[in-house]
Amino acid sequence: MNLDQKLRLLKKASKPRHPDQELEQALDYLRRLDQPPEPRRLPAQRAAKGIQEYVEGEIAKNHLGEYFLARQAFPFGRPYGKMRIGDISTADLSPLNLLFPQAALPAPERLVYLDTETTGLAGGTGTCAFLIGVGTVEGTQFVVRQFFLRDYPEEKAVLHSLTEILNAHDGLVTYNGKTFDVPLLETRYALARQKSPFARLVHLDVLHPSRRLWRLRLESCKLTDLESEVLGIGREGDVAGSEIPGIYFDYLRTGDARGLQPVFYHNALDIMTLAAVTVELARAIGDGGASTLQSSVDLFSLSRIYEAAGSRKQSVAACQRAISGGLPGEIEARALHQLALQYKRVRQHELAVETWLELSRRASPLALEALEALAIHYEHHRHDPQSALEFTLAAIDRQKGDAQPPSSALLKNSSLNNQRFARRLERLRKKLASHQAATALLS
């Protein structure tokens, strides 16, 4: 553009405006002021395709707002690993009451199975549950509902709808929920100024009894590991849990919901597996592992669950079956040690002695305890100081022969054992001397 053209444009712009034109511009400005501001658009609305294009569900609504709700119904006849979906409804869960000293677990139709997907694993007020899945028994189906936050403002509506589900039931089942899911959700309820619905529910955290039953045999007791090792299910097309927060943040940033489909799949499978593992636990505790536990190591773990609950008869039976089925060396020593203690508690001293003798032959640190227990038995129950002395000397020899790692705690225990054995040795020698002197006088 040359200088003449610029001058013509400036002269045109400086011409006085027509009054009608100025009036029209003022009216247009007032009309724009009168219009309500454009509402904030959620990621799902900004994207060309929303979450409903990739996950089957609907936009649900309550008085606090909207959210996305996915719903899947699984018929009872459908197989799930080595069981069927219907087992979740018909299984006898009453054996799990062994884990509840002050309350009983409700019937299956009164339970909610819950799992969350969150924006992080650290917890705290900055962590949000963007996907909350719940599973319930309804009629002849197991129904999984998944409440999804298309954006953070939808959280209040989701929490309100979750409360309605929980209020219709009496029990809650989670996996690590007592440590993570429930405290996180209670924080979100507090921040949303809503009353938490969890206090009234009987809560079974399946993580803890699962570890007690299967941890000795399995390297990991993650839910996916139990799914494959206990239920016989191999997941395909799943997403790693550590990747899920990043997938949600990508969705919030771009509005592209394509990556969320595996997250919904992962959450639904976790809920199904949680329910199936609960059934498997109840079966194992209910029948002593007769129809469910094929591993002797698992049977020994079950005996420890019975022992902790005070069911000594069941504990002894499970422990005996575990030993007769064959156990790895150190686990077998632990089983023998536990069995001997159980016999001693119920005053079956002869059986306890047999078990201590068996344990004393093992190359295990527990063999030292077995020898000491035998010395105590022969001194105080059989009043046989000679046998008690022999077992005490055997214990001292065993302790001398054991290689001690350079641990201050072990060295301290060794010193205490030496003192205890020395006192017992001195006492037994005095008893023998007195006994020999009395025998000589009588002869």
Protein backbone atom coordinates (compact mmCIF):
# COMPACT_ATOMS: atom_id res chain seq x y z
CA MET A 1 0.00 0.00 0.00
CA ASN A 2 1.47 3.38 -1.09
CA LEU A 3 1.19 6.72 0.66
CA ASP A 4 -1.80 7.93 -1.40
CA GLN A 5 -3.82 4.83 -0.56
CA LYS A 6 -3.10 5.23 3.18
CA LEU A 7 -4.23 8.88 3.06
CA ARG A 8 -7.51 7.95 1.34
CA LEU A 9 -8.22 5.33 4.05
CA LEU A 10 -7.53 7.81 6.82
CA LYS A 11 -9.86 10.41 5.24
CA LYS A 12 -12.59 7.80 4.87
CA ALA A 13 -12.26 6.76 8.52
CA SER A 14 -12.37 10.37 9.72
CA LYS A 15 -15.68 11.13 7.99
CA PRO A 16 -18.51 11.81 10.45
CA ARG A 17 -20.76 8.82 11.10
CA HIS A 18 -24.42 8.92 10.24
CA PRO A 19 -26.66 9.27 13.36
CA ASP A 20 -28.72 6.22 12.38
CA GLN A 21 -25.55 4.11 12.15
CA GLU A 22 -24.41 5.19 15.62
CA LEU A 23 -27.88 4.45 17.04
CA GLU A 24 -27.86 0.96 15.54
CA GLN A 25 -24.42 0.21 17.05
CA ALA A 26 -25.60 1.38 20.50
CA LEU A 27 -28.74 -0.81 20.30
CA ASP A 28 -26.64 -3.82 19.24
CA TYR A 29 -24.37 -3.29 22.25
CA LEU A 30 -27.38 -3.15 24.62
CA ARG A 31 -28.85 -6.30 23.09
CA ARG A 32 -25.57 -8.16 23.74
CA LEU A 33 -25.57 -7.00 27.37
CA ASP A 34 -29.10 -8.31 27.83
CA GLN A 35 -28.17 -11.82 26.68
CA PRO A 36 -27.06 -14.36 29.41
CA PRO A 37 -23.40 -15.40 29.32
CA GLU A 38 -22.57 -18.58 27.42
CA PRO A 39 -22.36 -21.51 29.89
CA ARG A 40 -19.04 -23.25 30.47
CA ARG A 41 -18.57 -26.11 28.07
CA LEU A 42 -17.40 -29.44 29.49
CA PRO A 43 -14.63 -31.47 27.82
CA ALA A 44 -17.22 -33.89 26.48
CA GLN A 45 -19.12 -30.98 24.90
CA ARG A 46 -16.02 -29.38 23.40
CA ALA A 47 -14.95 -32.60 21.67
CA ALA A 48 -16.35 -33.75 18.38
CA LYS A 49 -17.48 -36.98 20.09
CA GLY A 50 -18.36 -37.19 23.79
CA ILE A 51 -17.86 -40.05 26.24
CA GLN A 52 -21.18 -41.63 25.20
CA GLU A 53 -19.71 -42.29 21.76
CA TYR A 54 -17.14 -44.68 23.27
CA VAL A 55 -18.83 -46.00 26.44
CA GLU A 56 -22.42 -47.22 26.57
CA GLY A 57 -24.31 -45.01 29.00
CA GLU A 58 -26.39 -41.88 29.40
CA ILE A 59 -26.29 -38.37 30.79
CA ALA A 60 -27.95 -38.65 34.21
CA LYS A 61 -29.24 -35.72 36.23
CA ASN A 62 -30.33 -34.86 39.75
CA HIS A 63 -31.02 -31.58 41.57
CA LEU A 64 -27.27 -30.94 41.89
CA GLY A 65 -26.46 -31.27 38.21
CA GLU A 66 -25.53 -33.73 35.48
CA TYR A 67 -22.98 -36.53 35.13
CA PHE A 68 -22.33 -39.55 32.93
CA LEU A 69 -23.70 -42.92 34.07
CA ALA A 70 -22.68 -46.25 32.53
CA ARG A 71 -24.69 -49.37 33.40
CA GLN A 72 -23.98 -53.03 32.62
CA ALA A 73 -26.14 -55.98 33.67
CA PHE A 74 -24.53 -59.45 33.78
CA PRO A 75 -26.96 -62.41 33.82
CA PHE A 76 -26.49 -65.06 36.49
CA GLY A 77 -25.84 -67.80 33.94
CA ARG A 78 -22.76 -66.08 32.52
CA PRO A 79 -19.45 -67.78 33.45
CA TYR A 80 -16.72 -65.81 35.19
CA GLY A 81 -13.54 -67.83 35.52
CA LYS A 82 -14.24 -71.04 37.42
CA MET A 83 -17.59 -69.78 38.72
CA ARG A 84 -20.77 -68.22 37.39
CA ILE A 85 -22.14 -64.74 37.98
CA GLY A 86 -25.08 -66.24 39.85
CA ASP A 87 -22.72 -67.54 42.55
CA ILE A 88 -22.38 -63.96 43.77
CA SER A 89 -26.06 -64.07 44.69
CA THR A 90 -26.46 -67.66 45.91
CA ALA A 91 -23.17 -68.21 47.77
CA ASP A 92 -23.33 -68.55 51.54
CA LEU A 93 -21.32 -65.60 52.86
CA SER A 94 -22.00 -66.36 56.53
CA PRO A 95 -18.53 -67.97 57.04
CA LEU A 96 -17.10 -64.48 56.54
CA ASN A 97 -18.76 -63.50 59.84
CA LEU A 98 -15.68 -65.13 61.38
CA LEU A 99 -13.92 -61.90 60.36
CA PHE A 100 -16.52 -59.71 62.13
CA PRO A 101 -16.42 -60.18 65.91
CA GLN A 102 -19.05 -57.48 66.53
CA ALA A 103 -21.27 -57.54 63.42
CA ALA A 104 -22.57 -59.90 60.76
CA LEU A 105 -22.18 -59.44 57.02
CA PRO A 106 -25.54 -58.77 55.33
CA ALA A 107 -27.08 -61.04 52.68
CA PRO A 108 -25.63 -60.76 49.13
CA GLU A 109 -28.53 -58.65 47.86
CA ARG A 110 -27.86 -56.11 50.62
CA LEU A 111 -24.19 -55.64 49.68
CA VAL A 112 -22.51 -53.02 47.48
CA TYR A 113 -19.15 -53.82 45.85
CA LEU A 114 -17.24 -50.56 45.32
CA ASP A 115 -14.10 -49.53 43.45
CA THR A 116 -12.81 -46.11 42.39
CA GLU A 117 -10.48 -44.70 39.76
CA THR A 118 -8.79 -41.52 40.95
CA THR A 119 -6.59 -38.67 39.82
CA GLY A 120 -3.73 -39.98 41.98
CA LEU A 121 -2.71 -42.54 44.58
CA ALA A 122 -1.37 -40.16 47.21
CA GLY A 123 -4.77 -39.22 48.62
CA GLY A 124 -5.41 -35.89 50.28
CA THR A 125 -7.79 -33.10 49.35
CA GLY A 126 -6.25 -32.69 45.90
CA THR A 127 -7.15 -36.24 44.83
CA CYS A 128 -10.54 -36.81 43.22
CA ALA A 129 -12.43 -40.00 42.35
CA PHE A 130 -13.42 -39.30 38.75
CA LEU A 131 -14.94 -42.78 38.23
CA ILE A 132 -16.86 -44.58 40.97
CA GLY A 133 -18.05 -48.10 40.19
CA VAL A 134 -20.56 -50.06 42.27
CA GLY A 135 -21.85 -53.60 41.79
CA THR A 136 -25.13 -54.89 43.23
CA VAL A 137 -27.28 -58.01 42.99
CA GLU A 138 -30.62 -57.11 41.39
CA GLY A 139 -33.13 -59.80 40.51
CA THR A 140 -31.38 -62.34 38.29
CA GLN A 141 -28.50 -60.03 37.33
CA PHE A 142 -25.35 -58.52 38.76
CA VAL A 143 -25.48 -54.83 37.84
CA VAL A 144 -22.41 -52.61 37.59
CA ARG A 145 -23.00 -48.84 37.64
CA GLN A 146 -20.19 -46.40 36.94
CA PHE A 147 -20.51 -42.73 37.87
CA PHE A 148 -18.18 -40.58 35.75
CA LEU A 149 -17.15 -36.93 36.14
CA ARG A 150 -16.98 -35.30 32.72
CA ASP A 151 -15.47 -32.39 34.63
CA TYR A 152 -14.90 -31.50 38.29
CA PRO A 153 -18.13 -29.45 38.74
CA GLU A 154 -20.14 -32.67 38.33
CA GLU A 155 -18.72 -34.18 41.54
CA LYS A 156 -21.55 -33.02 43.83
CA ALA A 157 -24.17 -34.65 41.61
CA VAL A 158 -22.19 -37.90 41.48
CA LEU A 159 -21.72 -38.03 45.26
CA HIS A 160 -25.43 -37.46 45.82
CA SER A 161 -26.36 -40.33 43.47
CA LEU A 162 -23.77 -42.60 45.12
CA THR A 163 -25.39 -41.87 48.49
CA GLU A 164 -28.75 -42.99 47.14
CA ILE A 165 -27.26 -46.34 46.09
CA LEU A 166 -25.45 -46.90 49.39
CA ASN A 167 -28.47 -45.92 51.49
CA ALA A 168 -30.44 -48.73 49.86
CA HIS A 169 -27.95 -51.35 51.14
CA ASP A 170 -26.46 -52.44 54.46
CA GLY A 171 -22.96 -53.66 53.65
CA LEU A 172 -19.93 -52.51 51.67
CA VAL A 173 -17.19 -54.68 50.12
CA THR A 174 -13.94 -53.13 48.86
CA TYR A 175 -10.33 -54.04 48.13
CA ASN A 176 -8.07 -51.80 50.22
CA GLY A 177 -11.09 -49.57 50.70
CA LYS A 178 -10.53 -49.00 54.41
CA THR A 179 -7.15 -47.45 53.68
CA PHE A 180 -7.81 -45.68 50.37
CA ASP A 181 -11.24 -45.59 48.69
CA VAL A 182 -13.48 -44.83 51.67
CA PRO A 183 -11.22 -42.19 53.33
CA LEU A 184 -10.84 -40.50 49.92
CA LEU A 185 -14.60 -40.43 49.31
CA GLU A 186 -15.29 -39.22 52.85
CA THR A 187 -12.93 -36.29 52.17
CA ARG A 188 -14.78 -35.52 48.93
CA TYR A 189 -18.13 -35.61 50.78
CA ALA A 190 -16.77 -33.19 53.38
CA LEU A 191 -15.49 -30.79 50.71
CA ALA A 192 -18.85 -30.99 48.92
CA ARG A 193 -20.65 -30.32 52.24
CA GLN A 194 -22.59 -33.55 51.99
CA LYS A 195 -23.07 -36.18 54.69
CA SER A 196 -20.97 -39.29 54.20
CA PRO A 197 -23.08 -42.49 53.85
CA PHE A 198 -20.34 -44.92 54.97
CA ALA A 199 -20.63 -44.84 58.77
CA ARG A 200 -23.73 -47.03 58.93
CA LEU A 201 -22.44 -49.73 56.57
CA VAL A 202 -20.78 -53.01 57.61
CA HIS A 203 -17.49 -52.82 55.72
CA LEU A 204 -15.54 -55.88 54.53
CA ASP A 205 -12.13 -55.00 53.11
CA VAL A 206 -11.27 -58.16 51.16
CA LEU A 207 -7.59 -57.20 50.86
CA HIS A 208 -6.70 -58.26 54.41
CA PRO A 209 -8.23 -61.78 54.51
CA SER A 210 -7.01 -62.36 50.94
CA ARG A 211 -3.46 -61.64 52.01
CA ARG A 212 -3.80 -63.94 54.99
CA LEU A 213 -5.09 -66.76 52.82
CA TRP A 214 -2.98 -66.51 49.64
CA ARG A 215 0.11 -64.41 50.38
CA LEU A 216 2.33 -67.33 51.45
CA ARG A 217 1.84 -68.95 48.05
CA LEU A 218 1.55 -65.92 45.76
CA GLU A 219 4.22 -63.28 45.31
CA SER A 220 1.57 -60.57 44.99
CA CYS A 221 -2.01 -60.25 46.21
CA LYS A 222 -3.08 -57.48 43.85
CA LEU A 223 -6.65 -57.95 42.70
CA THR A 224 -5.54 -58.74 39.15
CA ASP A 225 -3.15 -61.42 40.48
CA LEU A 226 -5.95 -63.08 42.46
CA GLU A 227 -8.07 -62.86 39.33
CA SER A 228 -5.59 -64.98 37.38
CA GLU A 229 -4.18 -67.26 40.11
CA VAL A 230 -7.36 -67.93 42.12
CA LEU A 231 -10.23 -67.42 39.64
CA GLY A 232 -8.41 -68.54 36.49
CA ILE A 233 -9.17 -65.39 34.47
CA GLY A 234 -6.75 -63.73 32.06
CA ARG A 235 -7.51 -60.10 31.24
CA GLU A 236 -7.19 -58.84 27.69
CA GLY A 237 -7.30 -55.24 26.53
CA ASP A 238 -6.81 -53.88 30.04
CA VAL A 239 -4.95 -50.73 31.03
CA ALA A 240 -2.40 -50.51 33.86
CA GLY A 241 -3.75 -48.78 36.94
CA SER A 242 -0.74 -46.46 37.07
CA GLU A 243 -1.67 -45.05 33.64
CA ILE A 244 -5.29 -44.21 34.49
CA PRO A 245 -4.77 -40.76 36.10
CA GLY A 246 -2.81 -39.60 33.05
CA ILE A 247 -5.56 -40.79 30.70
CA TYR A 248 -8.14 -38.73 32.60
CA PHE A 249 -5.95 -35.61 32.60
CA ASP A 250 -5.48 -35.98 28.84
CA TYR A 251 -9.26 -36.14 28.48
CA LEU A 252 -9.75 -32.98 30.57
CA ARG A 253 -7.15 -31.14 28.51
CA THR A 254 -8.31 -32.18 25.04
CA GLY A 255 -11.91 -33.31 25.45
CA ASP A 256 -11.03 -36.48 23.51
CA ALA A 257 -12.75 -39.41 25.27
CA ARG A 258 -11.35 -42.25 23.16
CA GLY A 259 -8.77 -43.26 25.77
CA LEU A 260 -11.38 -43.66 28.53
CA GLN A 261 -12.99 -46.86 27.26
CA PRO A 262 -10.25 -49.15 28.73
CA VAL A 263 -10.59 -47.30 32.05
CA PHE A 264 -14.30 -48.18 32.30
CA TYR A 265 -13.44 -51.76 31.32
CA HIS A 266 -10.72 -51.96 34.00
CA ASN A 267 -13.05 -50.62 36.69
CA ALA A 268 -15.91 -52.99 35.77
CA LEU A 269 -13.60 -56.02 35.85
CA ASP A 270 -12.23 -54.97 39.25
CA ILE A 271 -15.77 -54.91 40.64
CA MET A 272 -16.64 -58.31 39.16
CA THR A 273 -13.41 -59.84 40.48
CA LEU A 274 -13.95 -58.26 43.90
CA ALA A 275 -17.34 -59.99 44.16
CA ALA A 276 -15.95 -63.32 42.90
CA VAL A 277 -13.00 -63.28 45.32
CA THR A 278 -15.42 -62.57 48.17
CA VAL A 279 -17.37 -65.71 47.23
CA GLU A 280 -14.15 -67.73 47.02
CA LEU A 281 -13.09 -66.56 50.49
CA ALA A 282 -16.45 -67.53 51.97
CA ARG A 283 -16.25 -70.98 50.40
CA ALA A 284 -12.72 -71.62 51.67
CA ILE A 285 -13.53 -70.56 55.24
CA GLY A 286 -16.85 -72.37 55.19
CA ASP A 287 -15.66 -75.85 54.17
CA GLY A 288 -12.12 -75.77 55.52
CA GLY A 289 -10.72 -75.48 52.02
CA ALA A 290 -11.97 -78.95 51.10
CA SER A 291 -13.47 -77.92 47.74
CA THR A 292 -11.61 -74.70 47.03
CA LEU A 293 -7.98 -74.92 48.20
CA GLN A 294 -5.72 -77.24 46.26
CA SER A 295 -2.47 -75.98 47.79
CA SER A 296 -1.16 -77.21 51.15
CA VAL A 297 0.37 -73.75 51.67
CA ASP A 298 -3.09 -72.18 51.37
CA LEU A 299 -4.45 -74.74 53.84
CA PHE A 300 -1.82 -73.73 56.37
CA SER A 301 -2.74 -70.08 55.84
CA LEU A 302 -6.40 -70.97 56.40
CA SER A 303 -5.47 -72.68 59.68
CA ARG A 304 -3.91 -69.41 60.82
CA ILE A 305 -7.13 -67.54 59.98
CA TYR A 306 -9.08 -70.03 62.11
CA GLU A 307 -6.56 -69.72 64.93
CA ALA A 308 -6.76 -65.90 64.94
CA ALA A 309 -10.56 -66.16 65.10
CA GLY A 310 -10.43 -68.61 68.01
CA SER A 311 -11.75 -71.60 66.01
CA ARG A 312 -9.16 -74.04 67.34
CA LYS A 313 -10.77 -77.29 66.17
CA GLN A 314 -10.97 -76.04 62.59
CA SER A 315 -7.46 -74.65 62.85
CA VAL A 316 -6.01 -78.00 63.95
CA ALA A 317 -7.82 -79.88 61.19
CA ALA A 318 -6.62 -77.50 58.47
CA CYS A 319 -3.07 -77.51 59.80
CA GLN A 320 -2.96 -81.33 59.92
CA ARG A 321 -4.18 -81.54 56.33
CA ALA A 322 -1.57 -78.99 55.24
CA ILE A 323 1.28 -80.97 56.85
CA SER A 324 0.10 -84.30 55.48
CA GLY A 325 -0.15 -82.76 52.00
CA GLY A 326 3.48 -81.64 52.06
CA LEU A 327 4.90 -78.17 52.68
CA PRO A 328 8.14 -76.35 51.84
CA GLY A 329 10.80 -76.67 54.56
CA GLU A 330 10.43 -73.48 56.58
CA ILE A 331 6.65 -73.32 56.13
CA GLU A 332 6.42 -76.92 57.37
CA ALA A 333 8.41 -75.93 60.48
CA ARG A 334 5.99 -73.06 61.12
CA ALA A 335 3.03 -75.41 60.67
CA LEU A 336 4.49 -77.93 63.15
CA HIS A 337 5.18 -75.14 65.62
CA GLN A 338 1.61 -73.85 65.35
CA LEU A 339 0.14 -77.36 65.66
CA ALA A 340 2.16 -78.13 68.78
CA LEU A 341 1.02 -74.89 70.42
CA GLN A 342 -2.60 -75.75 69.60
CA TYR A 343 -2.25 -79.21 71.15
CA LYS A 344 -0.69 -77.65 74.24
CA ARG A 345 -3.55 -75.13 74.63
CA VAL A 346 -6.15 -77.91 74.68
CA ARG A 347 -3.97 -80.02 77.02
CA GLN A 348 -3.27 -82.75 74.47
CA HIS A 349 0.26 -83.00 75.80
CA GLU A 350 1.21 -86.31 74.19
CA LEU A 351 0.31 -85.02 70.73
CA ALA A 352 2.20 -81.81 71.50
CA VAL A 353 5.31 -83.84 72.46
CA GLU A 354 5.16 -85.84 69.22
CA THR A 355 4.94 -82.63 67.23
CA TRP A 356 7.78 -80.94 69.16
CA LEU A 357 9.95 -84.00 68.55
CA GLU A 358 9.18 -83.86 64.83
CA LEU A 359 10.02 -80.16 64.73
CA SER A 360 13.25 -80.63 66.69
CA ARG A 361 14.62 -82.73 63.79
CA ARG A 362 14.15 -79.90 61.29
CA ALA A 363 16.90 -77.50 60.22
CA SER A 364 14.92 -74.51 61.38
CA PRO A 365 15.35 -71.83 64.06
CA LEU A 366 12.03 -73.09 65.46
CA ALA A 367 13.73 -76.39 66.33
CA LEU A 368 15.37 -74.57 69.25
CA GLU A 369 11.94 -73.62 70.61
CA ALA A 370 10.82 -77.24 70.19
CA LEU A 371 13.76 -78.52 72.27
CA GLU A 372 13.07 -75.95 74.97
CA ALA A 373 9.38 -76.86 75.02
CA LEU A 374 10.32 -80.53 75.41
CA ALA A 375 12.66 -79.70 78.30
CA ILE A 376 9.86 -77.76 80.01
CA HIS A 377 7.37 -80.59 79.48
CA TYR A 378 9.63 -83.30 80.86
CA GLU A 379 10.62 -81.18 83.85
CA HIS A 380 7.18 -79.91 84.92
CA HIS A 381 4.65 -82.41 83.52
CA ARG A 382 6.46 -85.73 83.54
CA HIS A 383 8.80 -84.83 86.41
CA ASP A 384 11.68 -86.44 84.55
CA PRO A 385 14.70 -84.18 85.17
CA GLN A 386 17.06 -86.53 83.31
CA SER A 387 15.12 -86.24 80.00
CA ALA A 388 14.64 -82.52 80.60
CA LEU A 389 18.41 -82.17 81.07
CA GLU A 390 19.09 -84.02 77.82
CA PHE A 391 16.75 -81.77 75.83
CA THR A 392 18.32 -78.69 77.46
CA LEU A 393 21.80 -79.82 76.48
CA ALA A 394 20.54 -80.55 72.95
CA ALA A 395 19.12 -77.03 72.78
CA ILE A 396 22.43 -75.51 73.88
CA ASP A 397 24.31 -77.57 71.28
CA ARG A 398 21.81 -76.55 68.59
CA GLN A 399 22.22 -72.88 69.47
CA LYS A 400 26.00 -73.13 69.34
CA GLY A 401 25.84 -74.86 65.97
CA ASP A 402 23.47 -72.29 64.38
CA ALA A 403 25.28 -69.61 62.39
CA GLN A 404 24.13 -66.25 63.67
CA PRO A 405 23.89 -63.33 61.19
CA PRO A 406 25.45 -60.07 62.38
CA SER A 407 22.18 -58.74 63.80
CA SER A 408 22.16 -57.00 67.18
CA ALA A 409 18.59 -58.20 67.85
CA LEU A 410 19.51 -61.83 67.15
CA LEU A 411 22.65 -61.56 69.25
CA LYS A 412 20.62 -60.13 72.11
CA ASN A 413 18.10 -62.98 71.84
CA SER A 414 20.96 -65.47 71.76
CA SER A 415 22.37 -63.99 74.96
CA LEU A 416 18.97 -64.20 76.66
CA ASN A 417 18.58 -67.81 75.53
CA ASN A 418 22.01 -68.66 76.94
CA GLN A 419 21.08 -67.18 80.30
CA ARG A 420 17.76 -69.00 80.34
CA PHE A 421 19.30 -72.33 79.34
CA ALA A 422 22.11 -71.88 81.90
CA ARG A 423 19.59 -71.34 84.71
CA ARG A 424 17.54 -74.34 83.61
CA LEU A 425 20.70 -76.47 83.35
CA GLU A 426 21.78 -75.52 86.85
CA ARG A 427 18.31 -76.19 88.28
CA LEU A 428 18.04 -79.58 86.59
CA ARG A 429 21.48 -80.67 87.79
CA LYS A 430 20.52 -79.77 91.36
CA LYS A 431 17.29 -81.75 90.99
CA LEU A 432 19.19 -84.75 89.68
CA ALA A 433 21.73 -84.52 92.49
CA SER A 434 18.95 -84.39 95.08
CA HIS A 435 17.18 -87.28 93.41
CA GLN A 436 20.34 -89.39 93.35
CA ALA A 437 21.08 -88.57 96.97
CA ALA A 438 17.57 -89.59 98.02
CA THR A 439 17.88 -92.81 96.03
CA ALA A 440 21.20 -93.62 97.68
CA LEU A 441 19.70 -93.11 101.17
CA LEU A 442 16.78 -95.36 100.36
CA SER A 443 19.08 -98.08 99.05
